[in-house]
Structures are given as C-alpha cells and as structure tokens.
Amino acid sequence: MVILSKLEQEYLLRTIESGMDLADLRQLFLWAQGPLQSLLPHEALLCMQVDGAGQVQRSECLHRRLLDAAALGLLHGELGPRLAQAWRGGRAQPAVLEAEEDGGPLAACRGLLLRSGFENALVVGSAPVEGAASVFVLLGLPFRPGERHGYFLQLLLPYLHMALLRLPATAHVRPGRMAPERALSAREVAILEQVREGRSNEEVAQSLGISALTVKNHLQRVYRVLGVANRAHAVARCLELRLL
C-alpha cells in the first residue's frame, strides 16, 4: 500500500485537476512539462495508442531536451512498440526498465533503452480494449523509479489516455489555428531547439556566438510568426506544427 505525504497529495491533485481537459498536443506538452514534471520528473514522455492485437497505431513523444532524429526514430520505431508488447504480455501493472539491470518483464528491451540514451523507463497502460488501449512511457527519470512512482503514473493514466484519444488523428493544429505566415529560418529553429532545453537567452547567445539581444530579437519575431506570447508557447506551437 502506498501512503502519500501531504506534499505528494497536493502535487497529485494539482496534476489531476490541470490534466482533466487536455485536448491537443500543445496542451499535453505544457501539462507534461509543468504539473507532471513536478510530480514525476522525466526527460521524455512516449504516448502510444495500440489496437486489439497490441500493434502501435499512433505514437507521440514529448521531450524536454533535444533528441536527434536517430533517437526519435528508435523511440517510435523500435523501443516504444517493444515496450508496449512486453508490458501488455505481463501483469498489466506499472513496470520499470533500467539500463544496468537484466531482470524484469521488460528486460528484452534493455539494449534498445541503452541505444536510446536513457537510463530508465517507467511503463503503464490501459486495459487491452480493442481500438482504444494505450501505453505510456516515462523515460529518463533522475532517480530509480519504483512502486511509488508507478502508482502515481497509474493514477494519472485515465487523463493521459483520454488526452491521447482527443488528439486529432491527422493534424495536431487545433481547429481555427492558421499555419505560420512564413517558414522559420534555420537560425530561429536553432534558437528554439535550445530554448526547449531550458537555456536562457544568454546561454543560447554564447552557444551560437551571437549577442543576447540578437537572441531576444529573434524570439520576438518568432512569437509574431507563430502567434504566441512567450517561450513555452513558442515551443509548444512548434511541436504542434512539427517544426521541431
């Protein structure tokens, strides 16, 4: 039996209340990087919708640090589906996979986890209902996940499941949202990639060899192009449009 502290109860309630009406990828990203991070810190959240045979029909990855194309391809194409199959073949309980351990129901996925660049994964999913089942994977937790963390994620499962079902099937732009008036430049995308990693204007400037004022000016132009008001919304909008 898991007994929650007063602070954990507060974090959990806040996470549940803010996750009840998630309706698009932008909202899901902001929730995952806000309330969910406070309760269960992680580097990436992989959301998969599976059919009655356990085949992944849809896969979305929300990540707080920059992942290259190879890592994303591995998550979507190999590790995610393998984790989903292994989890569904087990006891339908939260399961942990760690890079340095060989045991457990997910052990066959250990090599893929190492290749993905993550040290651990926490997996939970809904019951195998045909056409509506889902599996969620938290990757890169900064601590060794255990029963307590699996319990938290299991409590959040209904809200994650419904959010995934609500996402538009073919496009992640909400109705009424227009595409940007122009494509973002390579410099703007490079700045946004570092903003997504949580870097300040000064850190981005130092990395790219430009001034902090130039970074600020680039971001202001990006806000106008995307129709957003701040850094977090800019990153979420780019994810919504698959620009990052």
C-alpha atoms as a PDB file:
ATOM      1  CA  MET A   1       0.000   0.000   0.000  1.00  0.00           C
ATOM      2  CA  VAL A   2       1.361   3.412  -0.990  1.00  0.00           C
ATOM      3  CA  ILE A   3       0.794   6.209   1.534  1.00  0.00           C
ATOM      4  CA  LEU A   4       1.216   9.700   0.112  1.00  0.00           C
ATOM      5  CA  SER A   5       2.730  12.592   2.007  1.00  0.00           C
ATOM      6  CA  LYS A   6       0.795  15.858   2.242  1.00  0.00           C
ATOM      7  CA  LEU A   7       3.063  17.449  -0.379  1.00  0.00           C
ATOM      8  CA  GLU A   8       2.648  14.470  -2.729  1.00  0.00           C
ATOM      9  CA  GLN A   9      -1.125  14.672  -2.317  1.00  0.00           C
ATOM     10  CA  GLU A  10      -1.004  18.357  -3.235  1.00  0.00           C
ATOM     11  CA  TYR A  11       1.156  17.737  -6.322  1.00  0.00           C
ATOM     12  CA  LEU A  12      -1.022  14.828  -7.404  1.00  0.00           C
ATOM     13  CA  LEU A  13      -4.265  16.784  -7.025  1.00  0.00           C
ATOM     14  CA  ARG A  14      -2.815  19.729  -8.938  1.00  0.00           C
ATOM     15  CA  THR A  15      -1.633  17.426 -11.726  1.00  0.00           C
ATOM     16  CA  ILE A  16      -5.024  15.708 -11.980  1.00  0.00           C
ATOM     17  CA  GLU A  17      -7.018  18.954 -11.945  1.00  0.00           C
ATOM     18  CA  SER A  18      -4.894  20.507 -14.694  1.00  0.00           C
ATOM     19  CA  GLY A  19      -4.959  17.336 -16.803  1.00  0.00           C
ATOM     20  CA  MET A  20      -8.702  16.751 -16.971  1.00  0.00           C
ATOM     21  CA  ASP A  21      -9.410  18.630 -20.211  1.00  0.00           C
ATOM     22  CA  LEU A  22      -6.267  18.212 -22.307  1.00  0.00           C
ATOM     23  CA  ALA A  23      -7.432  18.409 -25.911  1.00  0.00           C
ATOM     24  CA  ASP A  24      -4.410  18.913 -28.186  1.00  0.00           C
ATOM     25  CA  LEU A  25      -0.688  18.293 -28.385  1.00  0.00           C
ATOM     26  CA  ARG A  26       0.186  21.807 -27.213  1.00  0.00           C
ATOM     27  CA  GLN A  27      -1.853  21.436 -24.030  1.00  0.00           C
ATOM     28  CA  LEU A  28      -0.465  17.956 -23.416  1.00  0.00           C
ATOM     29  CA  PHE A  29       3.097  19.250 -23.829  1.00  0.00           C
ATOM     30  CA  LEU A  30       2.585  22.157 -21.439  1.00  0.00           C
ATOM     31  CA  TRP A  31       0.971  19.840 -18.876  1.00  0.00           C
ATOM     32  CA  ALA A  32       3.765  17.283 -19.192  1.00  0.00           C
ATOM     33  CA  GLN A  33       6.439  19.971 -18.778  1.00  0.00           C
ATOM     34  CA  GLY A  34       4.605  21.642 -15.880  1.00  0.00           C
ATOM     35  CA  PRO A  35       2.468  19.762 -13.345  1.00  0.00           C
ATOM     36  CA  LEU A  36       3.592  16.292 -14.418  1.00  0.00           C
ATOM     37  CA  GLN A  37       7.264  17.287 -14.143  1.00  0.00           C
ATOM     38  CA  SER A  38       6.666  18.444 -10.564  1.00  0.00           C
ATOM     39  CA  LEU A  39       5.250  15.050  -9.639  1.00  0.00           C
ATOM     40  CA  LEU A  40       7.336  12.760 -11.863  1.00  0.00           C
ATOM     41  CA  PRO A  41      10.457  14.442 -13.292  1.00  0.00           C
ATOM     42  CA  HIS A  42      11.441  12.901 -16.631  1.00  0.00           C
ATOM     43  CA  GLU A  43      13.211  13.661 -19.910  1.00  0.00           C
ATOM     44  CA  ALA A  44      10.624  12.265 -22.329  1.00  0.00           C
ATOM     45  CA  LEU A  45       7.034  11.022 -22.355  1.00  0.00           C
ATOM     46  CA  LEU A  46       6.114   8.496 -25.034  1.00  0.00           C
ATOM     47  CA  CYS A  47       2.364   8.107 -25.681  1.00  0.00           C
ATOM     48  CA  MET A  48       1.188   5.142 -27.760  1.00  0.00           C
ATOM     49  CA  GLN A  49      -2.250   4.092 -28.914  1.00  0.00           C
ATOM     50  CA  VAL A  50      -2.462   0.372 -29.640  1.00  0.00           C
ATOM     51  CA  ASP A  51      -5.011  -1.859 -31.328  1.00  0.00           C
ATOM     52  CA  GLY A  52      -6.504  -5.111 -30.094  1.00  0.00           C
ATOM     53  CA  ALA A  53      -3.502  -7.074 -31.375  1.00  0.00           C
ATOM     54  CA  GLY A  54      -1.094  -4.852 -29.481  1.00  0.00           C
ATOM     55  CA  GLN A  55       0.201  -3.062 -32.584  1.00  0.00           C
ATOM     56  CA  VAL A  56       1.053   0.617 -32.140  1.00  0.00           C
ATOM     57  CA  GLN A  57      -1.290   2.728 -34.271  1.00  0.00           C
ATOM     58  CA  ARG A  58      -0.093   6.103 -33.046  1.00  0.00           C
ATOM     59  CA  SER A  59       2.979   7.359 -31.228  1.00  0.00           C
ATOM     60  CA  GLU A  60       3.687  10.824 -29.788  1.00  0.00           C
ATOM     61  CA  CYS A  61       6.884  11.791 -27.975  1.00  0.00           C
ATOM     62  CA  LEU A  62       7.044  14.871 -25.733  1.00  0.00           C
ATOM     63  CA  HIS A  63      10.583  15.654 -24.639  1.00  0.00           C
ATOM     64  CA  ARG A  64      12.217  18.450 -22.661  1.00  0.00           C
ATOM     65  CA  ARG A  65      15.699  18.087 -24.144  1.00  0.00           C
ATOM     66  CA  LEU A  66      16.794  17.972 -27.743  1.00  0.00           C
ATOM     67  CA  LEU A  67      16.579  14.484 -29.254  1.00  0.00           C
ATOM     68  CA  ASP A  68      18.166  13.786 -32.612  1.00  0.00           C
ATOM     69  CA  ALA A  69      16.377  12.041 -35.463  1.00  0.00           C
ATOM     70  CA  ALA A  70      18.044   8.708 -34.683  1.00  0.00           C
ATOM     71  CA  ALA A  71      16.873   8.724 -31.058  1.00  0.00           C
ATOM     72  CA  LEU A  72      13.326   9.713 -32.027  1.00  0.00           C
ATOM     73  CA  GLY A  73      13.261   7.044 -34.736  1.00  0.00           C
ATOM     74  CA  LEU A  74      14.343   4.459 -32.182  1.00  0.00           C
ATOM     75  CA  LEU A  75      11.683   5.536 -29.686  1.00  0.00           C
ATOM     76  CA  HIS A  76       8.869   5.483 -32.229  1.00  0.00           C
ATOM     77  CA  GLY A  77      10.008   2.567 -34.385  1.00  0.00           C
ATOM     78  CA  GLU A  78      11.602   0.033 -32.039  1.00  0.00           C
ATOM     79  CA  LEU A  79      11.780   0.775 -28.320  1.00  0.00           C
ATOM     80  CA  GLY A  80       8.214   2.087 -27.918  1.00  0.00           C
ATOM     81  CA  PRO A  81       6.463  -0.794 -29.705  1.00  0.00           C
ATOM     82  CA  ARG A  82       8.675  -3.374 -27.979  1.00  0.00           C
ATOM     83  CA  LEU A  83       7.958  -1.872 -24.568  1.00  0.00           C
ATOM     84  CA  ALA A  84       4.227  -1.832 -25.339  1.00  0.00           C
ATOM     85  CA  GLN A  85       4.258  -5.512 -26.343  1.00  0.00           C
ATOM     86  CA  ALA A  86       6.352  -6.545 -23.351  1.00  0.00           C
ATOM     87  CA  TRP A  87       4.179  -4.603 -20.924  1.00  0.00           C
ATOM     88  CA  ARG A  88       0.946  -5.995 -22.387  1.00  0.00           C
ATOM     89  CA  GLY A  89       2.372  -9.501 -22.099  1.00  0.00           C
ATOM     90  CA  GLY A  90       2.996  -9.060 -18.380  1.00  0.00           C
ATOM     91  CA  ARG A  91       0.758  -8.452 -15.381  1.00  0.00           C
ATOM     92  CA  ALA A  92      -0.737  -5.183 -16.665  1.00  0.00           C
ATOM     93  CA  GLN A  93       0.917  -3.353 -13.758  1.00  0.00           C
ATOM     94  CA  PRO A  94       3.397  -0.445 -13.842  1.00  0.00           C
ATOM     95  CA  ALA A  95       6.779  -1.824 -14.910  1.00  0.00           C
ATOM     96  CA  VAL A  96      10.316  -0.464 -14.720  1.00  0.00           C
ATOM     97  CA  LEU A  97      13.187  -0.952 -17.156  1.00  0.00           C
ATOM     98  CA  GLU A  98      16.699   0.097 -16.112  1.00  0.00           C
ATOM     99  CA  ALA A  99      19.822   0.113 -18.261  1.00  0.00           C
ATOM    100  CA  GLU A 100      22.011  -1.595 -15.662  1.00  0.00           C
ATOM    101  CA  GLU A 101      19.607  -4.395 -14.724  1.00  0.00           C
ATOM    102  CA  ASP A 102      18.761  -7.502 -16.738  1.00  0.00           C
ATOM    103  CA  GLY A 103      15.684  -8.739 -14.868  1.00  0.00           C
ATOM    104  CA  GLY A 104      12.010  -7.817 -15.038  1.00  0.00           C
ATOM    105  CA  PRO A 105       9.258  -8.182 -17.646  1.00  0.00           C
ATOM    106  CA  LEU A 106      10.850  -5.531 -19.885  1.00  0.00           C
ATOM    107  CA  ALA A 107      14.392  -6.950 -19.804  1.00  0.00           C
ATOM    108  CA  ALA A 108      14.369  -7.832 -23.509  1.00  0.00           C
ATOM    109  CA  CYS A 109      14.214  -4.095 -24.280  1.00  0.00           C
ATOM    110  CA  ARG A 110      17.347  -3.248 -22.292  1.00  0.00           C
ATOM    111  CA  GLY A 111      19.612  -2.981 -25.353  1.00  0.00           C
ATOM    112  CA  LEU A 112      17.192  -0.609 -27.083  1.00  0.00           C
ATOM    113  CA  LEU A 113      16.993   1.537 -23.943  1.00  0.00           C
ATOM    114  CA  LEU A 114      20.782   1.868 -23.889  1.00  0.00           C
ATOM    115  CA  ARG A 115      20.834   2.831 -27.561  1.00  0.00           C
ATOM    116  CA  SER A 116      18.161   5.462 -26.972  1.00  0.00           C
ATOM    117  CA  GLY A 117      20.400   7.271 -24.474  1.00  0.00           C
ATOM    118  CA  PHE A 118      18.126   6.885 -21.446  1.00  0.00           C
ATOM    119  CA  GLU A 119      18.958   5.165 -18.173  1.00  0.00           C
ATOM    120  CA  ASN A 120      15.469   4.024 -17.218  1.00  0.00           C
ATOM    121  CA  ALA A 121      11.843   3.819 -18.255  1.00  0.00           C
ATOM    122  CA  LEU A 122       8.559   3.585 -16.350  1.00  0.00           C
ATOM    123  CA  VAL A 123       5.717   1.954 -18.314  1.00  0.00           C
ATOM    124  CA  VAL A 124       1.987   1.863 -17.651  1.00  0.00           C
ATOM    125  CA  GLY A 125      -1.043   1.365 -19.861  1.00  0.00           C
ATOM    126  CA  SER A 126      -4.773   0.899 -20.067  1.00  0.00           C
ATOM    127  CA  ALA A 127      -6.600  -2.393 -20.298  1.00  0.00           C
ATOM    128  CA  PRO A 128      -6.288  -4.062 -23.738  1.00  0.00           C
ATOM    129  CA  VAL A 129      -9.603  -2.805 -25.078  1.00  0.00           C
ATOM    130  CA  GLU A 130      -9.784  -3.204 -28.853  1.00  0.00           C
ATOM    131  CA  GLY A 131      -9.211   0.077 -30.678  1.00  0.00           C
ATOM    132  CA  ALA A 132      -8.814   2.219 -27.565  1.00  0.00           C
ATOM    133  CA  ALA A 133      -5.927   0.854 -25.479  1.00  0.00           C
ATOM    134  CA  SER A 134      -2.893   2.991 -24.726  1.00  0.00           C
ATOM    135  CA  VAL A 135       0.590   2.644 -23.254  1.00  0.00           C
ATOM    136  CA  PHE A 136       2.662   5.467 -21.751  1.00  0.00           C
ATOM    137  CA  VAL A 137       6.388   5.502 -21.064  1.00  0.00           C
ATOM    138  CA  LEU A 138       8.294   7.973 -18.897  1.00  0.00           C
ATOM    139  CA  LEU A 139      11.962   7.969 -19.915  1.00  0.00           C
ATOM    140  CA  GLY A 140      14.993   9.391 -18.158  1.00  0.00           C
ATOM    141  CA  LEU A 141      13.761   9.785 -14.588  1.00  0.00           C
ATOM    142  CA  PRO A 142      16.516  11.365 -12.416  1.00  0.00           C
ATOM    143  CA  PHE A 143      16.073   8.659  -9.790  1.00  0.00           C
ATOM    144  CA  ARG A 144      15.464   4.942  -9.708  1.00  0.00           C
ATOM    145  CA  PRO A 145      11.733   4.529 -10.367  1.00  0.00           C
ATOM    146  CA  GLY A 146       9.862   2.240  -8.054  1.00  0.00           C
ATOM    147  CA  GLU A 147       6.428   1.208  -6.832  1.00  0.00           C
ATOM    148  CA  ARG A 148       5.601   4.716  -5.599  1.00  0.00           C
ATOM    149  CA  HIS A 149       6.291   6.334  -8.969  1.00  0.00           C
ATOM    150  CA  GLY A 150       4.392   3.604 -10.795  1.00  0.00           C
ATOM    151  CA  TYR A 151       1.431   4.257  -8.503  1.00  0.00           C
ATOM    152  CA  PHE A 152       1.494   7.979  -9.341  1.00  0.00           C
ATOM    153  CA  LEU A 153       1.573   7.281 -13.068  1.00  0.00           C
ATOM    154  CA  GLN A 154      -1.207   4.706 -12.757  1.00  0.00           C
ATOM    155  CA  LEU A 155      -3.423   7.288 -11.043  1.00  0.00           C
ATOM    156  CA  LEU A 156      -2.792   9.676 -13.944  1.00  0.00           C
ATOM    157  CA  LEU A 157      -3.457   7.016 -16.588  1.00  0.00           C
ATOM    158  CA  PRO A 158      -7.155   7.921 -17.247  1.00  0.00           C
ATOM    159  CA  TYR A 159      -6.221  11.544 -18.001  1.00  0.00           C
ATOM    160  CA  LEU A 160      -3.313  10.575 -20.251  1.00  0.00           C
ATOM    161  CA  HIS A 161      -5.483   8.004 -22.015  1.00  0.00           C
ATOM    162  CA  MET A 162      -8.310  10.452 -22.718  1.00  0.00           C
ATOM    163  CA  ALA A 163      -5.875  13.183 -23.802  1.00  0.00           C
ATOM    164  CA  LEU A 164      -4.320  10.828 -26.358  1.00  0.00           C
ATOM    165  CA  LEU A 165      -7.740   9.832 -27.706  1.00  0.00           C
ATOM    166  CA  ARG A 166      -8.722  13.511 -28.046  1.00  0.00           C
ATOM    167  CA  LEU A 167      -5.700  14.420 -30.180  1.00  0.00           C
ATOM    168  CA  PRO A 168      -6.651  14.959 -33.829  1.00  0.00           C
ATOM    169  CA  ALA A 169      -5.913  11.856 -35.872  1.00  0.00           C
ATOM    170  CA  THR A 170      -4.030  13.507 -38.728  1.00  0.00           C
ATOM    171  CA  ALA A 171      -3.093  17.010 -37.632  1.00  0.00           C
ATOM    172  CA  HIS A 172      -2.096  18.471 -34.318  1.00  0.00           C
ATOM    173  CA  VAL A 173      -3.240  22.030 -35.055  1.00  0.00           C
ATOM    174  CA  ARG A 174      -6.415  22.993 -33.287  1.00  0.00           C
ATOM    175  CA  PRO A 175      -9.375  23.991 -35.477  1.00  0.00           C
ATOM    176  CA  GLY A 176      -9.141  27.647 -36.372  1.00  0.00           C
ATOM    177  CA  ARG A 177      -5.364  27.806 -35.915  1.00  0.00           C
ATOM    178  CA  MET A 178      -3.639  29.060 -39.040  1.00  0.00           C
ATOM    179  CA  ALA A 179      -0.248  27.900 -40.247  1.00  0.00           C
ATOM    180  CA  PRO A 180       2.629  30.396 -39.778  1.00  0.00           C
ATOM    181  CA  GLU A 181       2.759  33.186 -42.342  1.00  0.00           C
ATOM    182  CA  ARG A 182       6.290  32.101 -43.260  1.00  0.00           C
ATOM    183  CA  ALA A 183       8.688  29.279 -42.526  1.00  0.00           C
ATOM    184  CA  LEU A 184      11.043  29.733 -39.592  1.00  0.00           C
ATOM    185  CA  SER A 185      14.659  30.351 -40.519  1.00  0.00           C
ATOM    186  CA  ALA A 186      17.434  27.915 -39.646  1.00  0.00           C
ATOM    187  CA  ARG A 187      18.684  30.387 -37.008  1.00  0.00           C
ATOM    188  CA  GLU A 188      15.220  30.698 -35.448  1.00  0.00           C
ATOM    189  CA  VAL A 189      14.833  26.927 -35.283  1.00  0.00           C
ATOM    190  CA  ALA A 190      18.310  26.581 -33.739  1.00  0.00           C
ATOM    191  CA  ILE A 191      17.366  29.109 -31.054  1.00  0.00           C
ATOM    192  CA  LEU A 192      14.057  27.381 -30.343  1.00  0.00           C
ATOM    193  CA  GLU A 193      15.762  23.997 -30.031  1.00  0.00           C
ATOM    194  CA  GLN A 194      17.961  25.423 -27.277  1.00  0.00           C
ATOM    195  CA  VAL A 195      15.020  27.220 -25.655  1.00  0.00           C
ATOM    196  CA  ARG A 196      13.280  23.841 -25.486  1.00  0.00           C
ATOM    197  CA  GLU A 197      16.270  22.583 -23.493  1.00  0.00           C
ATOM    198  CA  GLY A 198      15.615  25.298 -20.908  1.00  0.00           C
ATOM    199  CA  ARG A 199      18.534  27.591 -21.802  1.00  0.00           C
ATOM    200  CA  SER A 200      18.409  31.316 -21.117  1.00  0.00           C
ATOM    201  CA  ASN A 201      18.929  33.973 -23.803  1.00  0.00           C
ATOM    202  CA  GLU A 202      22.486  34.462 -22.543  1.00  0.00           C
ATOM    203  CA  GLU A 203      23.261  30.735 -22.745  1.00  0.00           C
ATOM    204  CA  VAL A 204      21.774  30.493 -26.243  1.00  0.00           C
ATOM    205  CA  ALA A 205      23.783  33.540 -27.328  1.00  0.00           C
ATOM    206  CA  GLN A 206      27.027  32.089 -26.034  1.00  0.00           C
ATOM    207  CA  SER A 207      26.345  28.748 -27.726  1.00  0.00           C
ATOM    208  CA  LEU A 208      25.577  30.333 -31.117  1.00  0.00           C
ATOM    209  CA  GLY A 209      28.196  33.083 -30.937  1.00  0.00           C
ATOM    210  CA  ILE A 210      25.701  35.970 -31.066  1.00  0.00           C
ATOM    211  CA  SER A 211      24.512  38.559 -28.563  1.00  0.00           C
ATOM    212  CA  ALA A 212      21.700  38.024 -26.070  1.00  0.00           C
ATOM    213  CA  LEU A 213      19.903  40.991 -27.637  1.00  0.00           C
ATOM    214  CA  THR A 214      20.005  39.263 -31.017  1.00  0.00           C
ATOM    215  CA  VAL A 215      18.522  36.147 -29.459  1.00  0.00           C
ATOM    216  CA  LYS A 216      15.755  38.244 -27.894  1.00  0.00           C
ATOM    217  CA  ASN A 217      15.007  39.927 -31.234  1.00  0.00           C
ATOM    218  CA  HIS A 218      14.842  36.554 -32.998  1.00  0.00           C
ATOM    219  CA  LEU A 219      12.417  35.260 -30.373  1.00  0.00           C
ATOM    220  CA  GLN A 220      10.195  38.331 -30.685  1.00  0.00           C
ATOM    221  CA  ARG A 221       9.936  37.723 -34.442  1.00  0.00           C
ATOM    222  CA  VAL A 222       9.211  34.046 -33.823  1.00  0.00           C
ATOM    223  CA  TYR A 223       6.393  34.977 -31.421  1.00  0.00           C
ATOM    224  CA  ARG A 224       4.773  37.161 -34.101  1.00  0.00           C
ATOM    225  CA  VAL A 225       5.121  34.493 -36.785  1.00  0.00           C
ATOM    226  CA  LEU A 226       3.666  31.751 -34.593  1.00  0.00           C
ATOM    227  CA  GLY A 227       1.025  33.910 -32.916  1.00  0.00           C
ATOM    228  CA  VAL A 228       2.225  33.171 -29.379  1.00  0.00           C
ATOM    229  CA  ALA A 229       3.221  35.267 -26.387  1.00  0.00           C
ATOM    230  CA  ASN A 230       6.149  33.551 -24.691  1.00  0.00           C
ATOM    231  CA  ARG A 231       8.907  30.937 -24.891  1.00  0.00           C
ATOM    232  CA  ALA A 232       6.892  27.976 -23.614  1.00  0.00           C
ATOM    233  CA  HIS A 233       4.042  28.655 -26.023  1.00  0.00           C
ATOM    234  CA  ALA A 234       6.507  29.057 -28.908  1.00  0.00           C
ATOM    235  CA  VAL A 235       7.999  25.626 -28.234  1.00  0.00           C
ATOM    236  CA  ALA A 236       4.560  24.070 -27.808  1.00  0.00           C
ATOM    237  CA  ARG A 237       3.326  25.662 -31.055  1.00  0.00           C
ATOM    238  CA  CYS A 238       6.370  24.348 -32.940  1.00  0.00           C
ATOM    239  CA  LEU A 239       5.713  20.862 -31.585  1.00  0.00           C
ATOM    240  CA  GLU A 240       2.071  21.237 -32.573  1.00  0.00           C
ATOM    241  CA  LEU A 241       3.156  22.052 -36.127  1.00  0.00           C
ATOM    242  CA  ARG A 242       6.034  19.542 -36.053  1.00  0.00           C
ATOM    243  CA  LEU A 243       8.588  22.259 -36.755  1.00  0.00           C
ATOM    244  CA  LEU A 244      10.984  20.879 -34.130  1.00  0.00           C
END
